[in-house]
Amino acid sequence: MKIAAVCQSGLGTSFMVQMNIQNALEEEGANMDEFELSHMDVGSATADAADYFFIEKTLETALSNLPKAKIVLLDSIIDAAETRNKLNKVLDENKISHN
């Protein structure tokens, strides 16, 4: 599964969210070989770039070109617990085993 973290410029914020996703996957005991993680700016986010896009909720309109089902909105990009909870929901919906 491809998961991308997206922010306005594709640098610090999206990288931090990517690291939160990676940490959550590792803590959940997910098989990391099943995942491809990346971070990008809003201009690079195309429907075929990832299966899911984790974004801060204020960027939702900037990504109107993406299917809503692929977008995971974050209220707070620094809240690792929120990222983990929303990631777990994605894992559950896709029947991917985790703790």
PDB file of N, CA and C in Angstrom:
ATOM      1  N   MET A   1       0.836  -1.168   0.000  1.00  0.00           N
ATOM      2  CA  MET A   1       0.000   0.000   0.000  1.00  0.00           C
ATOM      3  C   MET A   1       0.886   1.239   0.000  1.00  0.00           C
ATOM      4  N   LYS A   2       0.550   2.187  -0.853  1.00  0.00           N
ATOM      5  CA  LYS A   2       1.271   3.457  -0.913  1.00  0.00           C
ATOM      6  C   LYS A   2       0.525   4.490  -0.078  1.00  0.00           C
ATOM      7  N   ILE A   3       1.264   5.113   0.838  1.00  0.00           N
ATOM      8  CA  ILE A   3       0.702   6.166   1.678  1.00  0.00           C
ATOM      9  C   ILE A   3       1.586   7.390   1.532  1.00  0.00           C
ATOM     10  N   ALA A   4       0.951   8.529   1.244  1.00  0.00           N
ATOM     11  CA  ALA A   4       1.685   9.779   1.101  1.00  0.00           C
ATOM     12  C   ALA A   4       1.197  10.793   2.126  1.00  0.00           C
ATOM     13  N   ALA A   5       2.135  11.532   2.678  1.00  0.00           N
ATOM     14  CA  ALA A   5       1.823  12.669   3.531  1.00  0.00           C
ATOM     15  C   ALA A   5       2.004  13.909   2.660  1.00  0.00           C
ATOM     16  N   VAL A   6       1.028  14.804   2.710  1.00  0.00           N
ATOM     17  CA  VAL A   6       1.048  15.963   1.820  1.00  0.00           C
ATOM     18  C   VAL A   6       0.958  17.245   2.630  1.00  0.00           C
ATOM     19  N   CYS A   7       1.780  18.217   2.242  1.00  0.00           N
ATOM     20  CA  CYS A   7       1.668  19.556   2.810  1.00  0.00           C
ATOM     21  C   CYS A   7       1.860  20.569   1.687  1.00  0.00           C
ATOM     22  N   GLN A   8       1.754  21.822   2.026  1.00  0.00           N
ATOM     23  CA  GLN A   8       1.813  22.876   1.016  1.00  0.00           C
ATOM     24  C   GLN A   8       3.101  22.817   0.201  1.00  0.00           C
ATOM     25  N   SER A   9       4.243  22.707   0.867  1.00  0.00           N
ATOM     26  CA  SER A   9       5.519  22.746   0.153  1.00  0.00           C
ATOM     27  C   SER A   9       6.186  21.381   0.001  1.00  0.00           C
ATOM     28  N   GLY A  10       5.692  20.367   0.689  1.00  0.00           N
ATOM     29  CA  GLY A  10       6.260  19.033   0.560  1.00  0.00           C
ATOM     30  C   GLY A  10       7.557  18.821   1.298  1.00  0.00           C
ATOM     31  N   LEU A  11       7.825  19.644   2.285  1.00  0.00           N
ATOM     32  CA  LEU A  11       9.094  19.540   3.012  1.00  0.00           C
ATOM     33  C   LEU A  11       8.870  19.085   4.453  1.00  0.00           C
ATOM     34  N   GLY A  12       9.031  19.964   5.391  1.00  0.00           N
ATOM     35  CA  GLY A  12       9.043  19.597   6.807  1.00  0.00           C
ATOM     36  C   GLY A  12       7.782  18.982   7.356  1.00  0.00           C
ATOM     37  N   THR A  13       6.649  19.620   7.137  1.00  0.00           N
ATOM     38  CA  THR A  13       5.404  19.141   7.720  1.00  0.00           C
ATOM     39  C   THR A  13       5.042  17.765   7.200  1.00  0.00           C
ATOM     40  N   SER A  14       5.092  17.592   5.902  1.00  0.00           N
ATOM     41  CA  SER A  14       4.719  16.291   5.337  1.00  0.00           C
ATOM     42  C   SER A  14       5.714  15.213   5.755  1.00  0.00           C
ATOM     43  N   PHE A  15       6.981  15.563   5.890  1.00  0.00           N
ATOM     44  CA  PHE A  15       7.970  14.588   6.336  1.00  0.00           C
ATOM     45  C   PHE A  15       7.682  14.161   7.782  1.00  0.00           C
ATOM     46  N   MET A  16       7.276  15.120   8.620  1.00  0.00           N
ATOM     47  CA  MET A  16       6.949  14.795  10.001  1.00  0.00           C
ATOM     48  C   MET A  16       5.751  13.844  10.057  1.00  0.00           C
ATOM     49  N   VAL A  17       4.729  14.106   9.243  1.00  0.00           N
ATOM     50  CA  VAL A  17       3.567  13.216   9.209  1.00  0.00           C
ATOM     51  C   VAL A  17       3.981  11.841   8.696  1.00  0.00           C
ATOM     52  N   GLN A  18       4.840  11.802   7.682  1.00  0.00           N
ATOM     53  CA  GLN A  18       5.330  10.520   7.171  1.00  0.00           C
ATOM     54  C   GLN A  18       6.025   9.735   8.280  1.00  0.00           C
ATOM     55  N   MET A  19       6.838  10.401   9.066  1.00  0.00           N
ATOM     56  CA  MET A  19       7.535   9.728  10.164  1.00  0.00           C
ATOM     57  C   MET A  19       6.542   9.242  11.218  1.00  0.00           C
ATOM     58  N   ASN A  20       5.490  10.018  11.496  1.00  0.00           N
ATOM     59  CA  ASN A  20       4.459   9.568  12.436  1.00  0.00           C
ATOM     60  C   ASN A  20       3.755   8.318  11.907  1.00  0.00           C
ATOM     61  N   ILE A  21       3.498   8.281  10.608  1.00  0.00           N
ATOM     62  CA  ILE A  21       2.867   7.102  10.000  1.00  0.00           C
ATOM     63  C   ILE A  21       3.795   5.902  10.116  1.00  0.00           C
ATOM     64  N   GLN A  22       5.073   6.094   9.799  1.00  0.00           N
ATOM     65  CA  GLN A  22       6.040   4.998   9.884  1.00  0.00           C
ATOM     66  C   GLN A  22       6.134   4.474  11.310  1.00  0.00           C
ATOM     67  N   ASN A  23       6.235   5.377  12.272  1.00  0.00           N
ATOM     68  CA  ASN A  23       6.315   4.958  13.681  1.00  0.00           C
ATOM     69  C   ASN A  23       5.070   4.188  14.094  1.00  0.00           C
ATOM     70  N   ALA A  24       3.908   4.671  13.674  1.00  0.00           N
ATOM     71  CA  ALA A  24       2.657   3.992  14.026  1.00  0.00           C
ATOM     72  C   ALA A  24       2.593   2.603  13.412  1.00  0.00           C
ATOM     73  N   LEU A  25       2.988   2.478  12.160  1.00  0.00           N
ATOM     74  CA  LEU A  25       2.993   1.164  11.508  1.00  0.00           C
ATOM     75  C   LEU A  25       3.917   0.196  12.250  1.00  0.00           C
ATOM     76  N   GLU A  26       5.096   0.678  12.620  1.00  0.00           N
ATOM     77  CA  GLU A  26       6.048  -0.168  13.338  1.00  0.00           C
ATOM     78  C   GLU A  26       5.499  -0.556  14.706  1.00  0.00           C
ATOM     79  N   GLU A  27       4.911   0.406  15.419  1.00  0.00           N
ATOM     80  CA  GLU A  27       4.348   0.118  16.746  1.00  0.00           C
ATOM     81  C   GLU A  27       3.154  -0.831  16.658  1.00  0.00           C
ATOM     82  N   GLU A  28       2.424  -0.776  15.555  1.00  0.00           N
ATOM     83  CA  GLU A  28       1.266  -1.657  15.361  1.00  0.00           C
ATOM     84  C   GLU A  28       1.683  -3.044  14.877  1.00  0.00           C
ATOM     85  N   GLY A  29       2.971  -3.230  14.613  1.00  0.00           N
ATOM     86  CA  GLY A  29       3.463  -4.528  14.173  1.00  0.00           C
ATOM     87  C   GLY A  29       3.106  -4.855  12.735  1.00  0.00           C
ATOM     88  N   ALA A  30       2.838  -3.827  11.935  1.00  0.00           N
ATOM     89  CA  ALA A  30       2.506  -4.053  10.526  1.00  0.00           C
ATOM     90  C   ALA A  30       3.752  -4.504   9.777  1.00  0.00           C
ATOM     91  N   ASN A  31       3.551  -5.290   8.757  1.00  0.00           N
ATOM     92  CA  ASN A  31       4.655  -5.740   7.910  1.00  0.00           C
ATOM     93  C   ASN A  31       5.075  -4.566   7.033  1.00  0.00           C
ATOM     94  N   MET A  32       6.212  -3.971   7.321  1.00  0.00           N
ATOM     95  CA  MET A  32       6.654  -2.767   6.617  1.00  0.00           C
ATOM     96  C   MET A  32       6.934  -3.019   5.138  1.00  0.00           C
ATOM     97  N   ASP A  33       7.129  -4.279   4.760  1.00  0.00           N
ATOM     98  CA  ASP A  33       7.344  -4.598   3.344  1.00  0.00           C
ATOM     99  C   ASP A  33       6.085  -4.368   2.507  1.00  0.00           C
ATOM    100  N   GLU A  34       4.932  -4.261   3.173  1.00  0.00           N
ATOM    101  CA  GLU A  34       3.663  -4.049   2.477  1.00  0.00           C
ATOM    102  C   GLU A  34       3.369  -2.574   2.221  1.00  0.00           C
ATOM    103  N   PHE A  35       4.250  -1.682   2.692  1.00  0.00           N
ATOM    104  CA  PHE A  35       3.975  -0.250   2.617  1.00  0.00           C
ATOM    105  C   PHE A  35       5.091   0.505   1.909  1.00  0.00           C
ATOM    106  N   GLU A  36       4.675   1.516   1.181  1.00  0.00           N
ATOM    107  CA  GLU A  36       5.591   2.468   0.571  1.00  0.00           C
ATOM    108  C   GLU A  36       5.150   3.845   1.056  1.00  0.00           C
ATOM    109  N   LEU A  37       5.999   4.492   1.836  1.00  0.00           N
ATOM    110  CA  LEU A  37       5.669   5.792   2.408  1.00  0.00           C
ATOM    111  C   LEU A  37       6.432   6.894   1.687  1.00  0.00           C
ATOM    112  N   SER A  38       5.753   8.025   1.503  1.00  0.00           N
ATOM    113  CA  SER A  38       6.402   9.171   0.872  1.00  0.00           C
ATOM    114  C   SER A  38       5.770  10.448   1.404  1.00  0.00           C
ATOM    115  N   HIS A  39       6.394  11.564   1.052  1.00  0.00           N
ATOM    116  CA  HIS A  39       5.813  12.869   1.356  1.00  0.00           C
ATOM    117  C   HIS A  39       5.970  13.742   0.123  1.00  0.00           C
ATOM    118  N   MET A  40       5.031  14.677  -0.045  1.00  0.00           N
ATOM    119  CA  MET A  40       5.022  15.493  -1.258  1.00  0.00           C
ATOM    120  C   MET A  40       4.264  16.787  -1.027  1.00  0.00           C
ATOM    121  N   ASP A  41       4.405  17.687  -1.997  1.00  0.00           N
ATOM    122  CA  ASP A  41       3.654  18.934  -1.960  1.00  0.00           C
ATOM    123  C   ASP A  41       2.304  18.730  -2.650  1.00  0.00           C
ATOM    124  N   VAL A  42       1.383  19.678  -2.451  1.00  0.00           N
ATOM    125  CA  VAL A  42       0.039  19.525  -2.994  1.00  0.00           C
ATOM    126  C   VAL A  42       0.041  19.418  -4.517  1.00  0.00           C
ATOM    127  N   GLY A  43       0.964  20.083  -5.192  1.00  0.00           N
ATOM    128  CA  GLY A  43       1.022  20.027  -6.647  1.00  0.00           C
ATOM    129  C   GLY A  43       1.423  18.667  -7.187  1.00  0.00           C
ATOM    130  N   SER A  44       2.106  17.874  -6.387  1.00  0.00           N
ATOM    131  CA  SER A  44       2.560  16.548  -6.817  1.00  0.00           C
ATOM    132  C   SER A  44       1.567  15.446  -6.486  1.00  0.00           C
ATOM    133  N   ALA A  45       0.532  15.768  -5.741  1.00  0.00           N
ATOM    134  CA  ALA A  45      -0.438  14.765  -5.300  1.00  0.00           C
ATOM    135  C   ALA A  45      -1.439  14.481  -6.424  1.00  0.00           C
ATOM    136  N   THR A  46      -1.219  13.372  -7.101  1.00  0.00           N
ATOM    137  CA  THR A  46      -2.128  12.924  -8.148  1.00  0.00           C
ATOM    138  C   THR A  46      -2.741  11.600  -7.700  1.00  0.00           C
ATOM    139  N   ALA A  47      -3.884  11.278  -8.243  1.00  0.00           N
ATOM    140  CA  ALA A  47      -4.618  10.089  -7.801  1.00  0.00           C
ATOM    141  C   ALA A  47      -3.789   8.814  -7.868  1.00  0.00           C
ATOM    142  N   ASP A  48      -2.863   8.730  -8.813  1.00  0.00           N
ATOM    143  CA  ASP A  48      -2.057   7.516  -8.944  1.00  0.00           C
ATOM    144  C   ASP A  48      -0.767   7.549  -8.116  1.00  0.00           C
ATOM    145  N   ALA A  49      -0.532   8.625  -7.389  1.00  0.00           N
ATOM    146  CA  ALA A  49       0.700   8.746  -6.603  1.00  0.00           C
ATOM    147  C   ALA A  49       0.658   7.919  -5.317  1.00  0.00           C
ATOM    148  N   ALA A  50      -0.547   7.639  -4.803  1.00  0.00           N
ATOM    149  CA  ALA A  50      -0.661   6.873  -3.558  1.00  0.00           C
ATOM    150  C   ALA A  50      -2.074   6.305  -3.430  1.00  0.00           C
ATOM    151  N   ASP A  51      -2.192   5.342  -2.537  1.00  0.00           N
ATOM    152  CA  ASP A  51      -3.508   4.786  -2.224  1.00  0.00           C
ATOM    153  C   ASP A  51      -4.247   5.676  -1.231  1.00  0.00           C
ATOM    154  N   TYR A  52      -3.479   6.314  -0.332  1.00  0.00           N
ATOM    155  CA  TYR A  52      -4.044   7.213   0.669  1.00  0.00           C
ATOM    156  C   TYR A  52      -3.133   8.413   0.840  1.00  0.00           C
ATOM    157  N   PHE A  53      -3.768   9.553   1.070  1.00  0.00           N
ATOM    158  CA  PHE A  53      -3.056  10.809   1.269  1.00  0.00           C
ATOM    159  C   PHE A  53      -3.451  11.379   2.629  1.00  0.00           C
ATOM    160  N   PHE A  54      -2.492  11.512   3.528  1.00  0.00           N
ATOM    161  CA  PHE A  54      -2.725  12.107   4.837  1.00  0.00           C
ATOM    162  C   PHE A  54      -2.404  13.591   4.725  1.00  0.00           C
ATOM    163  N   ILE A  55      -3.418  14.429   5.001  1.00  0.00           N
ATOM    164  CA  ILE A  55      -3.244  15.872   4.853  1.00  0.00           C
ATOM    165  C   ILE A  55      -3.868  16.615   6.028  1.00  0.00           C
ATOM    166  N   GLU A  56      -3.373  17.810   6.288  1.00  0.00           N
ATOM    167  CA  GLU A  56      -3.976  18.691   7.276  1.00  0.00           C
ATOM    168  C   GLU A  56      -5.281  19.192   6.682  1.00  0.00           C
ATOM    169  N   LYS A  57      -6.333  19.258   7.486  1.00  0.00           N
ATOM    170  CA  LYS A  57      -7.687  19.491   6.980  1.00  0.00           C
ATOM    171  C   LYS A  57      -7.852  20.779   6.185  1.00  0.00           C
ATOM    172  N   THR A  58      -7.027  21.792   6.438  1.00  0.00           N
ATOM    173  CA  THR A  58      -7.179  23.040   5.689  1.00  0.00           C
ATOM    174  C   THR A  58      -6.731  22.917   4.238  1.00  0.00           C
ATOM    175  N   LEU A  59      -6.056  21.831   3.900  1.00  0.00           N
ATOM    176  CA  LEU A  59      -5.597  21.617   2.521  1.00  0.00           C
ATOM    177  C   LEU A  59      -6.577  20.810   1.680  1.00  0.00           C
ATOM    178  N   GLU A  60      -7.697  20.431   2.256  1.00  0.00           N
ATOM    179  CA  GLU A  60      -8.643  19.577   1.534  1.00  0.00           C
ATOM    180  C   GLU A  60      -9.062  20.175   0.189  1.00  0.00           C
ATOM    181  N   THR A  61      -9.349  21.449   0.154  1.00  0.00           N
ATOM    182  CA  THR A  61      -9.790  22.058  -1.109  1.00  0.00           C
ATOM    183  C   THR A  61      -8.669  22.114  -2.137  1.00  0.00           C
ATOM    184  N   ALA A  62      -7.429  22.162  -1.682  1.00  0.00           N
ATOM    185  CA  ALA A  62      -6.297  22.180  -2.606  1.00  0.00           C
ATOM    186  C   ALA A  62      -6.111  20.835  -3.290  1.00  0.00           C
ATOM    187  N   LEU A  63      -6.736  19.786  -2.746  1.00  0.00           N
ATOM    188  CA  LEU A  63      -6.602  18.447  -3.313  1.00  0.00           C
ATOM    189  C   LEU A  63      -7.939  17.933  -3.849  1.00  0.00           C
ATOM    190  N   SER A  64      -8.715  18.833  -4.401  1.00  0.00           N
ATOM    191  CA  SER A  64     -10.029  18.446  -4.932  1.00  0.00           C
ATOM    192  C   SER A  64      -9.913  17.521  -6.136  1.00  0.00           C
ATOM    193  N   ASN A  65      -8.711  17.398  -6.706  1.00  0.00           N
ATOM    194  CA  ASN A  65      -8.480  16.488  -7.835  1.00  0.00           C
ATOM    195  C   ASN A  65      -8.379  15.028  -7.395  1.00  0.00           C
ATOM    196  N   LEU A  66      -8.297  14.787  -6.091  1.00  0.00           N
ATOM    197  CA  LEU A  66      -8.170  13.418  -5.578  1.00  0.00           C
ATOM    198  C   LEU A  66      -9.521  12.877  -5.145  1.00  0.00           C
ATOM    199  N   PRO A  67      -9.726  11.574  -5.312  1.00  0.00           N
ATOM    200  CA  PRO A  67     -10.963  10.972  -4.793  1.00  0.00           C
ATOM    201  C   PRO A  67     -11.025  11.129  -3.273  1.00  0.00           C
ATOM    202  N   LYS A  68     -12.170  11.548  -2.767  1.00  0.00           N
ATOM    203  CA  LYS A  68     -12.327  11.767  -1.320  1.00  0.00           C
ATOM    204  C   LYS A  68     -12.003  10.515  -0.505  1.00  0.00           C
ATOM    205  N   ALA A  69     -12.249   9.350  -1.078  1.00  0.00           N
ATOM    206  CA  ALA A  69     -11.993   8.093  -0.364  1.00  0.00           C
ATOM    207  C   ALA A  69     -10.505   7.873  -0.110  1.00  0.00           C
ATOM    208  N   LYS A  70      -9.649   8.571  -0.857  1.00  0.00           N
ATOM    209  CA  LYS A  70      -8.204   8.415  -0.692  1.00  0.00           C
ATOM    210  C   LYS A  70      -7.606   9.422   0.284  1.00  0.00           C
ATOM    211  N   ILE A  71      -8.413  10.394   0.725  1.00  0.00           N
ATOM    212  CA  ILE A  71      -7.898  11.466   1.571  1.00  0.00           C
ATOM    213  C   ILE A  71      -8.202  11.181   3.032  1.00  0.00           C
ATOM    214  N   VAL A  72      -7.173  11.289   3.862  1.00  0.00           N
ATOM    215  CA  VAL A  72      -7.322  11.153   5.310  1.00  0.00           C
ATOM    216  C   VAL A  72      -7.006  12.526   5.897  1.00  0.00           C
ATOM    217  N   LEU A  73      -8.030  13.173   6.440  1.00  0.00           N
ATOM    218  CA  LEU A  73      -7.876  14.515   6.989  1.00  0.00           C
ATOM    219  C   LEU A  73      -7.389  14.470   8.425  1.00  0.00           C
ATOM    220  N   LEU A  74      -6.390  15.289   8.715  1.00  0.00           N
ATOM    221  CA  LEU A  74      -5.838  15.389  10.063  1.00  0.00           C
ATOM    222  C   LEU A  74      -6.212  16.744  10.655  1.00  0.00           C
ATOM    223  N   ASP A  75      -6.776  16.733  11.851  1.00  0.00           N
ATOM    224  CA  ASP A  75      -7.072  17.990  12.545  1.00  0.00           C
ATOM    225  C   ASP A  75      -5.784  18.656  12.997  1.00  0.00           C
ATOM    226  N   SER A  76      -4.817  17.842  13.398  1.00  0.00           N
ATOM    227  CA  SER A  76      -3.543  18.359  13.888  1.00  0.00           C
ATOM    228  C   SER A  76      -2.405  17.514  13.319  1.00  0.00           C
ATOM    229  N   ILE A  77      -1.536  18.149  12.574  1.00  0.00           N
ATOM    230  CA  ILE A  77      -0.429  17.403  11.961  1.00  0.00           C
ATOM    231  C   ILE A  77       0.627  16.979  12.971  1.00  0.00           C
ATOM    232  N   ILE A  78       0.605  17.577  14.158  1.00  0.00           N
ATOM    233  CA  ILE A  78       1.606  17.211  15.163  1.00  0.00           C
ATOM    234  C   ILE A  78       1.090  16.186  16.162  1.00  0.00           C
ATOM    235  N   ASP A  79      -0.172  15.813  16.046  1.00  0.00           N
ATOM    236  CA  ASP A  79      -0.774  14.864  16.968  1.00  0.00           C
ATOM    237  C   ASP A  79      -0.548  13.434  16.460  1.00  0.00           C
ATOM    238  N   ALA A  80       0.496  12.804  16.956  1.00  0.00           N
ATOM    239  CA  ALA A  80       0.838  11.450  16.511  1.00  0.00           C
ATOM    240  C   ALA A  80      -0.274  10.451  16.847  1.00  0.00           C
ATOM    241  N   ALA A  81      -0.982  10.673  17.955  1.00  0.00           N
ATOM    242  CA  ALA A  81      -2.071   9.766  18.334  1.00  0.00           C
ATOM    243  C   ALA A  81      -3.211   9.842  17.318  1.00  0.00           C
ATOM    244  N   GLU A  82      -3.544  11.042  16.857  1.00  0.00           N
ATOM    245  CA  GLU A  82      -4.589  11.184  15.848  1.00  0.00           C
ATOM    246  C   GLU A  82      -4.169  10.489  14.552  1.00  0.00           C
ATOM    247  N   THR A  83      -2.927  10.702  14.138  1.00  0.00           N
ATOM    248  CA  THR A  83      -2.428  10.053  12.923  1.00  0.00           C
ATOM    249  C   THR A  83      -2.526   8.545  13.067  1.00  0.00           C
ATOM    250  N   ARG A  84      -2.122   8.025  14.208  1.00  0.00           N
ATOM    251  CA  ARG A  84      -2.173   6.585  14.444  1.00  0.00           C
ATOM    252  C   ARG A  84      -3.612   6.069  14.391  1.00  0.00           C
ATOM    253  N   ASN A  85      -4.535   6.765  15.037  1.00  0.00           N
ATOM    254  CA  ASN A  85      -5.938   6.339  15.034  1.00  0.00           C
ATOM    255  C   ASN A  85      -6.512   6.308  13.617  1.00  0.00           C
ATOM    256  N   LYS A  86      -6.214   7.317  12.832  1.00  0.00           N
ATOM    257  CA  LYS A  86      -6.737   7.375  11.465  1.00  0.00           C
ATOM    258  C   LYS A  86      -6.042   6.344  10.573  1.00  0.00           C
ATOM    259  N   LEU A  87      -4.767   6.086  10.832  1.00  0.00           N
ATOM    260  CA  LEU A  87      -4.056   5.038  10.106  1.00  0.00           C
ATOM    261  C   LEU A  87      -4.661   3.674  10.428  1.00  0.00           C
ATOM    262  N   ASN A  88      -4.951   3.436  11.689  1.00  0.00           N
ATOM    263  CA  ASN A  88      -5.560   2.161  12.086  1.00  0.00           C
ATOM    264  C   ASN A  88      -6.900   1.953  11.391  1.00  0.00           C
ATOM    265  N   LYS A  89      -7.655   3.007  11.218  1.00  0.00           N
ATOM    266  CA  LYS A  89      -8.925   2.906  10.503  1.00  0.00           C
ATOM    267  C   LYS A  89      -8.687   2.477   9.053  1.00  0.00           C
ATOM    268  N   VAL A  90      -7.671   3.053   8.411  1.00  0.00           N
ATOM    269  CA  VAL A  90      -7.315   2.665   7.035  1.00  0.00           C
ATOM    270  C   VAL A  90      -6.896   1.201   6.998  1.00  0.00           C
ATOM    271  N   LEU A  91      -6.087   0.790   7.956  1.00  0.00           N
ATOM    272  CA  LEU A  91      -5.641  -0.603   8.007  1.00  0.00           C
ATOM    273  C   LEU A  91      -6.829  -1.540   8.190  1.00  0.00           C
ATOM    274  N   ASP A  92      -7.729  -1.187   9.086  1.00  0.00           N
ATOM    275  CA  ASP A  92      -8.921  -2.016   9.328  1.00  0.00           C
ATOM    276  C   ASP A  92      -9.791  -2.109   8.077  1.00  0.00           C
ATOM    277  N   GLU A  93     -10.018  -0.974   7.413  1.00  0.00           N
ATOM    278  CA  GLU A  93     -10.850  -0.963   6.205  1.00  0.00           C
ATOM    279  C   GLU A  93     -10.258  -1.837   5.099  1.00  0.00           C
ATOM    280  N   ASN A  94      -8.930  -1.954   5.095  1.00  0.00           N
ATOM    281  CA  ASN A  94      -8.249  -2.747   4.066  1.00  0.00           C
ATOM    282  C   ASN A  94      -7.861  -4.136   4.556  1.00  0.00           C
ATOM    283  N   LYS A  95      -8.357  -4.491   5.743  1.00  0.00           N
ATOM    284  CA  LYS A  95      -8.117  -5.808   6.343  1.00  0.00           C
ATOM    285  C   LYS A  95      -6.628  -6.145   6.424  1.00  0.00           C
ATOM    286  N   ILE A  96      -5.846  -5.145   6.833  1.00  0.00           N
ATOM    287  CA  ILE A  96      -4.404  -5.318   7.027  1.00  0.00           C
ATOM    288  C   ILE A  96      -4.169  -5.560   8.507  1.00  0.00           C
ATOM    289  N   SER A  97      -3.526  -6.644   8.818  1.00  0.00           N
ATOM    290  CA  SER A  97      -3.330  -7.039  10.206  1.00  0.00           C
ATOM    291  C   SER A  97      -2.384  -6.092  10.926  1.00  0.00           C
ATOM    292  N   HIS A  98      -2.760  -5.784  12.171  1.00  0.00           N
ATOM    293  CA  HIS A  98      -1.950  -4.940  13.057  1.00  0.00           C
ATOM    294  C   HIS A  98      -2.419  -5.196  14.474  1.00  0.00           C
ATOM    295  N   ASN A  99      -1.651  -4.696  15.441  1.00  0.00           N
ATOM    296  CA  ASN A  99      -1.980  -4.900  16.869  1.00  0.00           C
ATOM    297  C   ASN A  99      -3.182  -4.080  17.268  1.00  0.00           C
TER     298      ASN A  99
END
